[in-house]
Each structure stands twice: as structure tokens, then as C-alpha cells.
Amino acid sequence: MHPIAIAPGLIIQGFTPPLRLSDFKLIAFDMDSTLINIECVDEIADAVGRKREVAAITEAAMQGEIADYKESLRQRVALLQGVSEAQMNQIYQERMQFNPGAFELVAACKAAGLKVLLVSGGFTHFTDRVAQRLGIDYTRSNVLQIENGVLTGRMVDQPWGDICDGDEKRTMLLETCALLGIAPQQSIAVGDGANDLPMMREAGLSVAFHAKSAVREIAHVSIESGGLDRLLELFQP
């Protein structure tokens, strides 16, 4: 099916609305540039004067131009060495904002009985706070190693593995579906970059939010203007 604009800035392909939100049981979100307005790794790099260098790697990774996402993240994190926890707190307080419609979409999903998952190639310093603010049920992201209050330029391995990349996002989506006793087709996945594609391909409804072209091409829904809550236009009241 060819993409169809059902409203300005809202494109669908592969299905016909309206749907019922309650037919889904889980919604999974990327964080950086999806739930929030920034790429956290780029803003952290700005604290040590390396934003341009790190942002170029981030952009290439999100466009799908870098085959080894894990290595690209290790390279970026290495450049963060010396950033203090206080500087990261300042980024959270002064630069990070929730994207329009984030609270409304999460609230509507929870009201319809969906559980909410946050899977991010970003860092727990931000995902923990975002999850608390939005009332998110499950999270998976990366841990920055901190010694004496500053970043070492490395990440900490976790019980599930080393780095939350696209494959890990897919794994976490499937594991959460299994935990809830639901089929992946009963899940929604929302993202903007190439590392979101593995989980989006598993979900019953995939949503691109102001996304890279590779993501818009495969998504069932592409929100190209407005906020995250525009997704609700697809569902019956």
C-alpha cells in the first residue's frame, strides 16, 4: 500500500484507520529526539567543547550510515571524559524538554490499559528521570561510568549486556511482550532513528516521529508535523 496523508503531516501506510487503542497492550518509546527534544550525548559533549564532533557521529548513526552502533557509541562516550555530574544535571534542567504531546500520549495509553516501555541508546542519568516524570513502567538504557563525580569516558556493563543498541531494543520489546503474555502484534513502537528499526519491525504498529528517511519509509505511521499526541488521531474515541 502506498503512503497516504490522512491529515497534514500525518502519513500512514499498510493499514486503514481508525484503530482501537485498547487493542494494543504495550507502547515502546525511544527517548532522544522522540520523547525529548535533544540528543543527550551531543549535549553532554558540548560541556567539553566536543559537540560538533560527537553530533556528526550521532547523525551518521541515526541515519543508518554506521554499521557498528555499539562502537560508534563507545567512541562518543570516550569523548565525554571529564564531564561532571553537576554539568549533566544542568543539561537535564536547562536544555532537556519533553517533546509536545509526550505527556498526553502516554496518559492516553495508560488510560487505555497499555504498559509503557522506554528503550534508549542514551543514559540512565536521563532515562530514569524521564520515566519517573511520565510514569513509564519499564526502561532499558546505558550506564555512564562515574568516578569522583566525573565521567570516565566508559560505560558500565549490565546484567543483560553491555550496550542498548537496536538489537537490544528489539530484545527488550519482545521480552516485555513475553512478560505481559501478549503477542508483539499487540505492541506499538515509536522512534526516529535507524537504531529503532529492529523494534519497529516487530511491533504491530510502528510510528516514526519527525524521523530519518529510513525510518519513515518502513513505519506504518509517520508524524511529520505536530506533537506525539497526533498518533491519537488514528484511534477511535
C-alpha atoms as a PDB file:
ATOM      1  CA  MET A   1       0.000   0.000   0.000  1.00  0.00           C
ATOM      2  CA  HIS A   2       1.288   3.453  -0.906  1.00  0.00           C
ATOM      3  CA  PRO A   3       1.686   6.069   1.830  1.00  0.00           C
ATOM      4  CA  ILE A   4      -1.430   8.175   2.366  1.00  0.00           C
ATOM      5  CA  ALA A   5      -1.650  11.564   4.074  1.00  0.00           C
ATOM      6  CA  ILE A   6      -4.764  11.343   6.234  1.00  0.00           C
ATOM      7  CA  ALA A   7      -4.118  14.849   7.577  1.00  0.00           C
ATOM      8  CA  PRO A   8      -1.366  17.430   7.048  1.00  0.00           C
ATOM      9  CA  GLY A   9       1.850  15.996   8.437  1.00  0.00           C
ATOM     10  CA  LEU A  10       0.347  12.601   9.315  1.00  0.00           C
ATOM     11  CA  ILE A  11       1.193   9.789   6.878  1.00  0.00           C
ATOM     12  CA  ILE A  12       0.062   6.161   7.053  1.00  0.00           C
ATOM     13  CA  GLN A  13       0.845   3.048   5.036  1.00  0.00           C
ATOM     14  CA  GLY A  14      -0.154  -0.593   5.281  1.00  0.00           C
ATOM     15  CA  PHE A  15      -3.395  -0.214   7.220  1.00  0.00           C
ATOM     16  CA  THR A  16      -6.669   1.700   7.320  1.00  0.00           C
ATOM     17  CA  PRO A  17      -7.695   3.712  10.399  1.00  0.00           C
ATOM     18  CA  PRO A  18      -9.433   4.067  12.733  1.00  0.00           C
ATOM     19  CA  LEU A  19      -7.993   1.581  15.201  1.00  0.00           C
ATOM     20  CA  ARG A  20      -8.836   0.966  18.844  1.00  0.00           C
ATOM     21  CA  LEU A  21      -6.068   1.906  21.252  1.00  0.00           C
ATOM     22  CA  SER A  22      -7.266  -0.732  23.696  1.00  0.00           C
ATOM     23  CA  ASP A  23      -6.451  -3.457  21.130  1.00  0.00           C
ATOM     24  CA  PHE A  24      -2.792  -2.762  21.962  1.00  0.00           C
ATOM     25  CA  LYS A  25      -1.236  -3.670  25.309  1.00  0.00           C
ATOM     26  CA  LEU A  26       2.239  -2.106  25.145  1.00  0.00           C
ATOM     27  CA  ILE A  27       3.808   1.027  23.697  1.00  0.00           C
ATOM     28  CA  ALA A  28       7.598   1.335  23.420  1.00  0.00           C
ATOM     29  CA  PHE A  29       9.368   4.666  23.010  1.00  0.00           C
ATOM     30  CA  ASP A  30      12.823   5.756  22.042  1.00  0.00           C
ATOM     31  CA  MET A  31      13.915   8.738  24.156  1.00  0.00           C
ATOM     32  CA  ASP A  32      16.338  11.141  22.429  1.00  0.00           C
ATOM     33  CA  SER A  33      14.592  13.246  19.761  1.00  0.00           C
ATOM     34  CA  THR A  34      11.425  11.200  20.352  1.00  0.00           C
ATOM     35  CA  LEU A  35      10.132  11.715  23.885  1.00  0.00           C
ATOM     36  CA  ILE A  36      12.568  14.570  24.467  1.00  0.00           C
ATOM     37  CA  ASN A  37      13.923  17.373  22.285  1.00  0.00           C
ATOM     38  CA  ILE A  38      17.671  16.676  22.490  1.00  0.00           C
ATOM     39  CA  GLU A  39      20.290  14.035  21.802  1.00  0.00           C
ATOM     40  CA  CYS A  40      21.731  13.790  25.305  1.00  0.00           C
ATOM     41  CA  VAL A  41      25.150  12.541  24.230  1.00  0.00           C
ATOM     42  CA  ASP A  42      25.592  15.589  21.990  1.00  0.00           C
ATOM     43  CA  GLU A  43      24.640  17.997  24.770  1.00  0.00           C
ATOM     44  CA  ILE A  44      26.969  16.288  27.257  1.00  0.00           C
ATOM     45  CA  ALA A  45      29.766  16.627  24.695  1.00  0.00           C
ATOM     46  CA  ASP A  46      29.069  20.347  24.500  1.00  0.00           C
ATOM     47  CA  ALA A  47      30.251  20.628  28.101  1.00  0.00           C
ATOM     48  CA  VAL A  48      33.770  19.694  26.971  1.00  0.00           C
ATOM     49  CA  GLY A  49      33.685  21.540  23.639  1.00  0.00           C
ATOM     50  CA  ARG A  50      33.165  18.430  21.527  1.00  0.00           C
ATOM     51  CA  LYS A  51      29.543  18.752  20.473  1.00  0.00           C
ATOM     52  CA  ARG A  52      30.234  19.149  16.747  1.00  0.00           C
ATOM     53  CA  GLU A  53      32.449  16.060  16.642  1.00  0.00           C
ATOM     54  CA  VAL A  54      30.033  13.906  18.651  1.00  0.00           C
ATOM     55  CA  ALA A  55      26.914  15.191  16.878  1.00  0.00           C
ATOM     56  CA  ALA A  56      28.377  14.225  13.498  1.00  0.00           C
ATOM     57  CA  ILE A  57      28.786  10.625  14.697  1.00  0.00           C
ATOM     58  CA  THR A  58      25.291  10.647  16.219  1.00  0.00           C
ATOM     59  CA  GLU A  59      23.723  11.888  12.985  1.00  0.00           C
ATOM     60  CA  ALA A  60      25.506   9.225  10.926  1.00  0.00           C
ATOM     61  CA  ALA A  61      24.386   6.528  13.366  1.00  0.00           C
ATOM     62  CA  MET A  62      20.752   7.706  13.328  1.00  0.00           C
ATOM     63  CA  GLN A  63      20.760   7.829   9.523  1.00  0.00           C
ATOM     64  CA  GLY A  64      21.943   4.200   9.465  1.00  0.00           C
ATOM     65  CA  GLU A  65      25.292   5.120   7.899  1.00  0.00           C
ATOM     66  CA  ILE A  66      27.331   3.423  10.657  1.00  0.00           C
ATOM     67  CA  ALA A  67      27.151  -0.364  10.719  1.00  0.00           C
ATOM     68  CA  ASP A  68      28.516  -0.835  14.247  1.00  0.00           C
ATOM     69  CA  TYR A  69      26.306   1.244  16.521  1.00  0.00           C
ATOM     70  CA  LYS A  70      27.960  -0.044  19.683  1.00  0.00           C
ATOM     71  CA  GLU A  71      31.392   1.060  18.556  1.00  0.00           C
ATOM     72  CA  SER A  72      30.037   4.446  17.488  1.00  0.00           C
ATOM     73  CA  LEU A  73      28.577   4.926  20.962  1.00  0.00           C
ATOM     74  CA  ARG A  74      31.822   3.878  22.643  1.00  0.00           C
ATOM     75  CA  GLN A  75      33.649   6.450  20.514  1.00  0.00           C
ATOM     76  CA  ARG A  76      31.221   9.177  21.518  1.00  0.00           C
ATOM     77  CA  VAL A  77      31.255   8.265  25.211  1.00  0.00           C
ATOM     78  CA  ALA A  78      35.067   8.289  25.235  1.00  0.00           C
ATOM     79  CA  LEU A  79      34.901  11.944  24.220  1.00  0.00           C
ATOM     80  CA  LEU A  80      32.758  12.725  27.286  1.00  0.00           C
ATOM     81  CA  GLN A  81      35.564  12.030  29.721  1.00  0.00           C
ATOM     82  CA  GLY A  82      35.795  14.722  32.372  1.00  0.00           C
ATOM     83  CA  VAL A  83      32.186  15.926  32.275  1.00  0.00           C
ATOM     84  CA  SER A  84      30.849  16.277  35.825  1.00  0.00           C
ATOM     85  CA  GLU A  85      27.576  15.031  37.260  1.00  0.00           C
ATOM     86  CA  ALA A  86      26.756  18.665  38.014  1.00  0.00           C
ATOM     87  CA  GLN A  87      27.105  19.518  34.324  1.00  0.00           C
ATOM     88  CA  MET A  88      24.808  16.628  33.364  1.00  0.00           C
ATOM     89  CA  ASN A  89      22.253  17.815  35.913  1.00  0.00           C
ATOM     90  CA  GLN A  90      22.436  21.259  34.354  1.00  0.00           C
ATOM     91  CA  ILE A  91      21.751  19.776  30.905  1.00  0.00           C
ATOM     92  CA  TYR A  92      18.700  17.990  32.276  1.00  0.00           C
ATOM     93  CA  GLN A  93      17.406  21.104  33.994  1.00  0.00           C
ATOM     94  CA  GLU A  94      18.188  23.713  31.329  1.00  0.00           C
ATOM     95  CA  ARG A  95      18.269  22.014  27.923  1.00  0.00           C
ATOM     96  CA  MET A  96      16.082  18.927  28.055  1.00  0.00           C
ATOM     97  CA  GLN A  97      12.405  19.400  27.332  1.00  0.00           C
ATOM     98  CA  PHE A  98       9.686  16.885  26.619  1.00  0.00           C
ATOM     99  CA  ASN A  99       8.504  16.952  23.047  1.00  0.00           C
ATOM    100  CA  PRO A 100       4.973  18.256  22.519  1.00  0.00           C
ATOM    101  CA  GLY A 101       2.305  15.658  23.143  1.00  0.00           C
ATOM    102  CA  ALA A 102       4.520  13.305  25.165  1.00  0.00           C
ATOM    103  CA  PHE A 103       2.522  13.565  28.378  1.00  0.00           C
ATOM    104  CA  GLU A 104      -0.797  13.447  26.537  1.00  0.00           C
ATOM    105  CA  LEU A 105       0.092  10.333  24.518  1.00  0.00           C
ATOM    106  CA  VAL A 106       1.497   8.422  27.473  1.00  0.00           C
ATOM    107  CA  ALA A 107      -1.513   9.342  29.624  1.00  0.00           C
ATOM    108  CA  ALA A 108      -3.953   8.216  26.916  1.00  0.00           C
ATOM    109  CA  CYS A 109      -2.130   4.912  26.502  1.00  0.00           C
ATOM    110  CA  LYS A 110      -2.109   4.241  30.229  1.00  0.00           C
ATOM    111  CA  ALA A 111      -5.799   5.121  30.459  1.00  0.00           C
ATOM    112  CA  ALA A 112      -6.496   2.567  27.702  1.00  0.00           C
ATOM    113  CA  GLY A 113      -4.671  -0.113  29.690  1.00  0.00           C
ATOM    114  CA  LEU A 114      -1.310  -0.143  27.873  1.00  0.00           C
ATOM    115  CA  LYS A 115       2.002  -0.606  29.647  1.00  0.00           C
ATOM    116  CA  VAL A 116       4.766   1.798  28.642  1.00  0.00           C
ATOM    117  CA  LEU A 117       8.370   0.875  27.812  1.00  0.00           C
ATOM    118  CA  LEU A 118      11.317   3.237  27.315  1.00  0.00           C
ATOM    119  CA  VAL A 119      14.261   1.782  25.387  1.00  0.00           C
ATOM    120  CA  SER A 120      17.144   4.110  24.701  1.00  0.00           C
ATOM    121  CA  GLY A 121      20.679   4.172  23.405  1.00  0.00           C
ATOM    122  CA  GLY A 122      21.019   7.067  25.838  1.00  0.00           C
ATOM    123  CA  PHE A 123      21.824   7.024  29.514  1.00  0.00           C
ATOM    124  CA  THR A 124      20.154   6.220  32.811  1.00  0.00           C
ATOM    125  CA  HIS A 125      21.005   9.685  34.131  1.00  0.00           C
ATOM    126  CA  PHE A 126      18.242  10.933  31.835  1.00  0.00           C
ATOM    127  CA  THR A 127      16.014   7.882  31.250  1.00  0.00           C
ATOM    128  CA  ASP A 128      15.399   7.391  34.979  1.00  0.00           C
ATOM    129  CA  ARG A 129      14.161  10.963  35.304  1.00  0.00           C
ATOM    130  CA  VAL A 130      12.103  10.816  32.116  1.00  0.00           C
ATOM    131  CA  ALA A 131      10.490   7.551  33.187  1.00  0.00           C
ATOM    132  CA  GLN A 132       9.599   8.980  36.585  1.00  0.00           C
ATOM    133  CA  ARG A 133       8.086  12.144  35.094  1.00  0.00           C
ATOM    134  CA  LEU A 134       5.972  10.225  32.575  1.00  0.00           C
ATOM    135  CA  GLY A 135       5.049   7.246  34.762  1.00  0.00           C
ATOM    136  CA  ILE A 136       6.775   4.736  32.489  1.00  0.00           C
ATOM    137  CA  ASP A 137       6.623   1.088  33.549  1.00  0.00           C
ATOM    138  CA  TYR A 138       9.820  -0.412  32.101  1.00  0.00           C
ATOM    139  CA  THR A 139      13.145   1.018  30.925  1.00  0.00           C
ATOM    140  CA  ARG A 140      16.389  -0.102  29.358  1.00  0.00           C
ATOM    141  CA  SER A 141      19.343   2.194  28.621  1.00  0.00           C
ATOM    142  CA  ASN A 142      23.061   2.616  29.192  1.00  0.00           C
ATOM    143  CA  VAL A 143      25.001   3.463  32.337  1.00  0.00           C
ATOM    144  CA  LEU A 144      27.822   6.003  32.189  1.00  0.00           C
ATOM    145  CA  GLN A 145      30.730   5.174  34.483  1.00  0.00           C
ATOM    146  CA  ILE A 146      31.337   7.911  37.048  1.00  0.00           C
ATOM    147  CA  GLU A 147      34.333   8.183  39.361  1.00  0.00           C
ATOM    148  CA  ASN A 148      34.824  11.036  41.822  1.00  0.00           C
ATOM    149  CA  GLY A 149      31.844  12.824  40.323  1.00  0.00           C
ATOM    150  CA  VAL A 150      33.073  12.893  36.715  1.00  0.00           C
ATOM    151  CA  LEU A 151      32.618  10.703  33.643  1.00  0.00           C
ATOM    152  CA  THR A 152      35.462   8.310  32.872  1.00  0.00           C
ATOM    153  CA  GLY A 153      34.623   8.012  29.174  1.00  0.00           C
ATOM    154  CA  ARG A 154      33.358   4.455  29.599  1.00  0.00           C
ATOM    155  CA  MET A 155      30.067   2.662  30.191  1.00  0.00           C
ATOM    156  CA  VAL A 156      29.191   0.047  32.783  1.00  0.00           C
ATOM    157  CA  ASP A 157      28.166  -3.461  31.706  1.00  0.00           C
ATOM    158  CA  GLN A 158      24.747  -4.535  32.998  1.00  0.00           C
ATOM    159  CA  PRO A 159      23.244  -7.977  33.740  1.00  0.00           C
ATOM    160  CA  TRP A 160      21.521  -8.041  30.335  1.00  0.00           C
ATOM    161  CA  GLY A 161      24.604  -6.983  28.348  1.00  0.00           C
ATOM    162  CA  ASP A 162      26.884  -4.098  27.503  1.00  0.00           C
ATOM    163  CA  ILE A 163      25.084  -1.533  25.319  1.00  0.00           C
ATOM    164  CA  CYS A 164      21.447  -0.875  24.445  1.00  0.00           C
ATOM    165  CA  ASP A 165      21.588  -0.724  20.649  1.00  0.00           C
ATOM    166  CA  GLY A 166      18.963  -1.547  18.050  1.00  0.00           C
ATOM    167  CA  ASP A 167      19.185  -5.291  18.670  1.00  0.00           C
ATOM    168  CA  GLU A 168      18.798  -4.765  22.408  1.00  0.00           C
ATOM    169  CA  LYS A 169      15.769  -2.533  21.841  1.00  0.00           C
ATOM    170  CA  ARG A 170      14.199  -5.352  19.832  1.00  0.00           C
ATOM    171  CA  THR A 171      15.085  -7.893  22.515  1.00  0.00           C
ATOM    172  CA  MET A 172      13.612  -5.738  25.278  1.00  0.00           C
ATOM    173  CA  LEU A 173      10.404  -5.211  23.315  1.00  0.00           C
ATOM    174  CA  LEU A 174       9.997  -8.956  22.789  1.00  0.00           C
ATOM    175  CA  GLU A 175      10.920  -9.762  26.396  1.00  0.00           C
ATOM    176  CA  THR A 176       8.386  -7.253  27.694  1.00  0.00           C
ATOM    177  CA  CYS A 177       5.702  -8.708  25.423  1.00  0.00           C
ATOM    178  CA  ALA A 178       6.515 -12.162  26.790  1.00  0.00           C
ATOM    179  CA  LEU A 179       6.394 -10.849  30.362  1.00  0.00           C
ATOM    180  CA  LEU A 180       2.945  -9.401  29.701  1.00  0.00           C
ATOM    181  CA  GLY A 181       1.769 -12.527  27.901  1.00  0.00           C
ATOM    182  CA  ILE A 182       0.992 -10.676  24.684  1.00  0.00           C
ATOM    183  CA  ALA A 183       1.979 -11.050  21.045  1.00  0.00           C
ATOM    184  CA  PRO A 184       4.358  -8.470  19.506  1.00  0.00           C
ATOM    185  CA  GLN A 185       1.480  -7.533  17.189  1.00  0.00           C
ATOM    186  CA  GLN A 186      -0.211  -6.049  20.267  1.00  0.00           C
ATOM    187  CA  SER A 187       2.629  -3.560  20.717  1.00  0.00           C
ATOM    188  CA  ILE A 188       3.347  -0.088  19.326  1.00  0.00           C
ATOM    189  CA  ALA A 189       6.926   1.138  18.780  1.00  0.00           C
ATOM    190  CA  VAL A 190       7.787   4.823  18.399  1.00  0.00           C
ATOM    191  CA  GLY A 191      11.186   6.122  17.269  1.00  0.00           C
ATOM    192  CA  ASP A 192      13.126   8.410  14.974  1.00  0.00           C
ATOM    193  CA  GLY A 193      16.481   6.793  14.139  1.00  0.00           C
ATOM    194  CA  ALA A 194      17.980   3.732  12.490  1.00  0.00           C
ATOM    195  CA  ASN A 195      18.595   2.007  15.818  1.00  0.00           C
ATOM    196  CA  ASP A 196      14.818   1.984  16.362  1.00  0.00           C
ATOM    197  CA  LEU A 197      14.155  -0.069  13.235  1.00  0.00           C
ATOM    198  CA  PRO A 198      14.662  -3.548  14.785  1.00  0.00           C
ATOM    199  CA  MET A 199      11.952  -2.987  17.406  1.00  0.00           C
ATOM    200  CA  MET A 200       9.692  -1.176  14.958  1.00  0.00           C
ATOM    201  CA  ARG A 201       9.763  -4.164  12.610  1.00  0.00           C
ATOM    202  CA  GLU A 202       8.493  -6.415  15.427  1.00  0.00           C
ATOM    203  CA  ALA A 203       5.653  -4.179  16.582  1.00  0.00           C
ATOM    204  CA  GLY A 204       2.101  -4.382  15.370  1.00  0.00           C
ATOM    205  CA  LEU A 205       2.135  -0.625  14.795  1.00  0.00           C
ATOM    206  CA  SER A 206       5.355   1.264  14.064  1.00  0.00           C
ATOM    207  CA  VAL A 207       5.472   5.034  14.400  1.00  0.00           C
ATOM    208  CA  ALA A 208       8.117   7.415  13.026  1.00  0.00           C
ATOM    209  CA  PHE A 209       8.258  10.744  14.843  1.00  0.00           C
ATOM    210  CA  HIS A 210       9.971  13.577  12.914  1.00  0.00           C
ATOM    211  CA  ALA A 211      12.227  10.741  11.811  1.00  0.00           C
ATOM    212  CA  LYS A 212      15.116   9.993   9.487  1.00  0.00           C
ATOM    213  CA  SER A 213      14.112   8.937   5.975  1.00  0.00           C
ATOM    214  CA  ALA A 214      14.997   5.262   6.525  1.00  0.00           C
ATOM    215  CA  VAL A 215      12.583   5.163   9.457  1.00  0.00           C
ATOM    216  CA  ARG A 216       9.762   6.996   7.696  1.00  0.00           C
ATOM    217  CA  GLU A 217       9.965   4.535   4.808  1.00  0.00           C
ATOM    218  CA  ILE A 218       9.203   1.452   6.922  1.00  0.00           C
ATOM    219  CA  ALA A 219       6.879   2.926   9.550  1.00  0.00           C
ATOM    220  CA  HIS A 220       3.142   2.327   9.473  1.00  0.00           C
ATOM    221  CA  VAL A 221       2.682   5.903  10.710  1.00  0.00           C
ATOM    222  CA  SER A 222       4.886   8.951  10.158  1.00  0.00           C
ATOM    223  CA  ILE A 223       4.229  12.037  12.277  1.00  0.00           C
ATOM    224  CA  GLU A 224       5.911  14.795  10.295  1.00  0.00           C
ATOM    225  CA  SER A 225       4.402  17.844  11.947  1.00  0.00           C
ATOM    226  CA  GLY A 226       2.933  18.460  15.364  1.00  0.00           C
ATOM    227  CA  GLY A 227       3.381  16.505  18.566  1.00  0.00           C
ATOM    228  CA  LEU A 228       3.446  12.876  19.647  1.00  0.00           C
ATOM    229  CA  ASP A 229      -0.224  13.007  20.566  1.00  0.00           C
ATOM    230  CA  ARG A 230      -1.083  13.208  16.866  1.00  0.00           C
ATOM    231  CA  LEU A 231      -0.889   9.421  16.972  1.00  0.00           C
ATOM    232  CA  LEU A 232      -4.195   9.503  18.821  1.00  0.00           C
ATOM    233  CA  GLU A 233      -5.883  10.796  15.650  1.00  0.00           C
ATOM    234  CA  LEU A 234      -5.683   7.237  14.286  1.00  0.00           C
ATOM    235  CA  PHE A 235      -7.774   5.738  17.050  1.00  0.00           C
ATOM    236  CA  GLN A 236     -11.467   5.633  17.762  1.00  0.00           C
ATOM    237  CA  PRO A 237     -12.504   7.783  20.746  1.00  0.00           C
END
